[in-house]
Amino acid sequence: MAAETTTQPKHLLFQPVMVLFISVASAILFGVYMLRGSILGSSTFGFPPSFFYVVPIIIPFVAFLLDRAEHLRETTAVQMIVDVVVVGLAVARVFASFPFVSGHTLFLTYAIGSSRSRVTVATASLVMLQVIYLKYFVWHDAITSTTGIIFGALAAYVGTRYFGTTTRRGPISSL
C-alpha cells in the first residue's frame, strides 16, 4: 500500500494567479507614484530611463516577498538572515553607492536561485533579461552586473544548499 500524502490547498493569497496580480498591481501603483513625482517635479527617480529600470523589479520583488511569507514556518534562522542580507544590500543600493555590485542583478539572481514560487522565478527571469540588456549593452556596465550575478548565485547556493532545502517548483507551464 502506497503512503498517502495530504497536501493542504494554498491560501488564496498564495495562489499563483493572485501572486501575479498583486505583484503587477504593486508595480503599477509604484509606477503611478513615480510618474506623479515626475510630473510635479519632485521625483528623485526621474522619468526614463530609471522609470523603466526601477518599476519592473517591483513585480518579482513582491512575488519573492509573498513566496517567503508562504513558507515562513519552514524557513530557518540562517535562511532568513541570508534573505535579509541580500535584500538589504540590494535595497541599500537605492540610497547609497556600494561600488562593484548591482542591486538588481544581486536580488534577481538570488530570487531565481532560491525561490519556491514559479511566479517569482518566471518574473525574476524576465526582468533579469531586461536588466542584463540595459546593464551590458546600453550602459556598458559589466562589472557591477557580473558581481551582482556572482554574489546572488553564491547566496542562493549557500542559503539553499547548506541551510535548508528549496522545494523546487514544477514545470513553468503549470503557472
Protein backbone atom coordinates (compact mmCIF):
# COMPACT_ATOMS: atom_id res chain seq x y z
CA MET A 1 0.00 0.00 0.00
CA ALA A 2 1.47 3.33 -1.04
CA ALA A 3 1.82 6.03 1.55
CA GLU A 4 -0.71 8.74 1.10
CA THR A 5 0.40 12.32 1.12
CA THR A 6 -2.01 15.02 2.04
CA THR A 7 -1.49 18.46 0.69
CA GLN A 8 -3.40 21.37 2.01
CA PRO A 9 -4.74 23.78 -0.56
CA LYS A 10 -2.83 27.02 -0.76
CA HIS A 11 -4.31 30.08 0.86
CA LEU A 12 -5.93 32.35 -1.76
CA LEU A 13 -3.21 34.95 -1.21
CA PHE A 14 -0.53 32.48 -2.34
CA GLN A 15 -2.28 31.15 -5.45
CA PRO A 16 -0.05 31.85 -8.49
CA VAL A 17 -2.65 34.00 -10.25
CA MET A 18 -3.19 36.05 -7.10
CA VAL A 19 0.57 36.45 -6.54
CA LEU A 20 0.97 37.65 -10.11
CA PHE A 21 -1.99 40.03 -9.77
CA ILE A 22 -0.71 41.53 -6.51
CA SER A 23 2.81 41.86 -7.93
CA VAL A 24 1.72 43.57 -11.14
CA ALA A 25 -0.72 45.83 -9.25
CA SER A 26 2.11 46.84 -6.89
CA ALA A 27 4.35 47.72 -9.83
CA ILE A 28 1.57 49.77 -11.43
CA LEU A 29 0.91 51.65 -8.20
CA PHE A 30 4.63 52.33 -7.74
CA GLY A 31 4.87 53.46 -11.37
CA VAL A 32 1.97 55.87 -10.87
CA TYR A 33 3.67 57.17 -7.72
CA MET A 34 6.91 57.73 -9.69
CA LEU A 35 5.04 59.46 -12.52
CA ARG A 36 3.23 61.68 -10.06
CA GLY A 37 6.55 62.82 -8.62
CA SER A 38 7.99 63.30 -12.10
CA ILE A 39 5.04 65.42 -13.21
CA LEU A 40 5.15 67.55 -10.04
CA GLY A 41 8.90 67.93 -10.36
CA SER A 42 9.72 66.34 -7.02
CA SER A 43 10.81 62.92 -8.23
CA THR A 44 14.11 61.51 -7.06
CA PHE A 45 13.79 58.77 -9.67
CA GLY A 46 13.04 60.83 -12.74
CA PHE A 47 11.36 59.60 -15.91
CA PRO A 48 13.10 57.48 -18.40
CA PRO A 49 15.37 55.68 -18.17
CA SER A 50 15.11 54.97 -14.44
CA PHE A 51 11.34 54.53 -14.62
CA PHE A 52 11.77 51.56 -16.97
CA TYR A 53 14.59 50.20 -14.85
CA VAL A 54 13.02 50.54 -11.39
CA VAL A 55 9.34 49.72 -11.90
CA PRO A 56 9.68 46.20 -13.43
CA ILE A 57 11.71 44.84 -10.50
CA ILE A 58 8.74 45.50 -8.21
CA ILE A 59 6.92 42.52 -9.76
CA PRO A 60 9.46 39.80 -8.82
CA PHE A 61 10.21 41.59 -5.54
CA VAL A 62 6.59 41.41 -4.36
CA ALA A 63 6.31 37.81 -5.64
CA PHE A 64 9.51 36.99 -3.70
CA LEU A 65 8.07 38.51 -0.50
CA LEU A 66 4.86 36.53 -0.91
CA ASP A 67 6.87 33.34 -1.51
CA ARG A 68 8.83 33.95 1.67
CA ALA A 69 5.63 34.72 3.61
CA GLU A 70 4.01 31.50 2.39
CA HIS A 71 6.96 29.39 3.57
CA LEU A 72 7.83 31.38 6.69
CA ARG A 73 7.30 28.46 9.09
CA GLU A 74 9.69 26.25 7.09
CA THR A 75 12.42 28.89 6.98
CA THR A 76 15.46 28.53 9.20
CA ALA A 77 17.00 31.48 11.01
CA VAL A 78 20.08 31.32 8.76
CA GLN A 79 17.95 31.34 5.61
CA MET A 80 16.14 34.40 6.94
CA ILE A 81 19.46 36.11 7.66
CA VAL A 82 20.66 35.39 4.12
CA ASP A 83 17.37 36.80 2.75
CA VAL A 84 17.70 39.95 4.87
CA VAL A 85 21.35 40.49 3.90
CA VAL A 86 20.73 40.04 0.16
CA VAL A 87 17.53 42.09 0.04
CA GLY A 88 19.00 44.69 2.39
CA LEU A 89 22.10 45.13 0.24
CA ALA A 90 20.03 45.28 -2.95
CA VAL A 91 17.66 47.88 -1.49
CA ALA A 92 20.52 49.85 0.09
CA ARG A 93 21.90 50.41 -3.43
CA VAL A 94 18.97 52.78 -3.98
CA PHE A 95 20.18 55.07 -1.20
CA ALA A 96 23.94 54.52 -1.08
CA SER A 97 26.56 53.83 -3.68
CA PHE A 98 28.18 50.49 -2.94
CA PRO A 99 30.80 50.00 -5.61
CA PHE A 100 31.04 46.93 -7.81
CA VAL A 101 27.65 45.33 -7.08
CA SER A 102 24.37 45.81 -8.92
CA GLY A 103 21.44 45.53 -6.54
CA HIS A 104 19.17 44.47 -9.41
CA THR A 105 21.31 41.56 -10.58
CA LEU A 106 22.12 40.56 -6.99
CA PHE A 107 18.47 40.34 -5.99
CA LEU A 108 17.19 38.83 -9.24
CA THR A 109 19.82 36.10 -9.30
CA TYR A 110 19.12 35.30 -5.66
CA ALA A 111 15.36 35.22 -6.27
CA ILE A 112 15.75 32.93 -9.29
CA GLY A 113 18.04 30.56 -7.40
CA SER A 114 16.29 30.44 -4.05
CA SER A 115 12.58 30.88 -4.66
CA ARG A 116 10.00 28.10 -4.48
CA SER A 117 7.47 30.09 -6.46
CA ARG A 118 7.17 29.66 -10.22
CA VAL A 119 5.77 33.18 -10.46
CA THR A 120 8.83 34.60 -8.72
CA VAL A 121 11.23 32.62 -10.90
CA ALA A 122 9.41 33.49 -14.13
CA THR A 123 9.06 37.21 -13.39
CA ALA A 124 12.59 37.50 -11.99
CA SER A 125 13.94 35.78 -15.12
CA LEU A 126 12.09 38.15 -17.44
CA VAL A 127 13.23 41.22 -15.52
CA MET A 128 16.77 39.80 -15.41
CA LEU A 129 16.79 39.69 -19.22
CA GLN A 130 15.81 43.36 -19.29
CA VAL A 131 18.42 44.28 -16.66
CA ILE A 132 21.18 42.36 -18.47
CA TYR A 133 20.30 44.12 -21.72
CA LEU A 134 20.35 47.56 -20.09
CA LYS A 135 23.45 46.96 -17.97
CA TYR A 136 25.65 45.22 -20.53
CA PHE A 137 24.53 46.69 -23.85
CA VAL A 138 23.05 50.11 -23.11
CA TRP A 139 25.06 51.28 -20.10
CA HIS A 140 28.16 49.10 -20.73
CA ASP A 141 28.30 48.13 -17.06
CA ALA A 142 29.75 44.65 -16.98
CA ILE A 143 31.44 44.95 -13.59
CA THR A 144 28.52 45.64 -11.23
CA SER A 145 26.23 43.33 -13.19
CA THR A 146 28.61 40.41 -13.15
CA THR A 147 29.49 40.78 -9.46
CA GLY A 148 25.80 41.04 -8.62
CA ILE A 149 25.12 37.82 -10.50
CA ILE A 150 28.05 36.04 -8.85
CA PHE A 151 27.13 37.15 -5.31
CA GLY A 152 23.42 36.43 -5.90
CA ALA A 153 24.20 32.92 -7.15
CA LEU A 154 26.56 32.33 -4.24
CA ALA A 155 23.97 33.50 -1.71
CA ALA A 156 21.28 31.30 -3.30
CA TYR A 157 23.60 28.31 -3.31
CA VAL A 158 24.71 28.79 0.28
CA GLY A 159 21.22 29.61 1.54
CA THR A 160 19.56 26.62 -0.08
CA ARG A 161 22.35 24.06 -0.07
CA TYR A 162 23.74 24.43 3.41
CA PHE A 163 20.94 25.95 5.43
CA GLY A 164 17.78 24.38 4.09
CA THR A 165 16.16 22.85 1.12
CA THR A 166 14.28 24.72 -1.50
CA THR A 167 11.36 22.72 -2.74
CA ARG A 168 11.71 23.08 -6.45
CA ARG A 169 8.71 24.13 -8.37
CA GLY A 170 7.19 22.06 -11.14
CA PRO A 171 7.18 22.94 -14.81
CA ILE A 172 6.63 26.55 -15.71
CA SER A 173 3.65 25.55 -17.85
CA SER A 174 1.64 24.92 -14.69
CA LEU A 175 1.66 28.59 -13.67
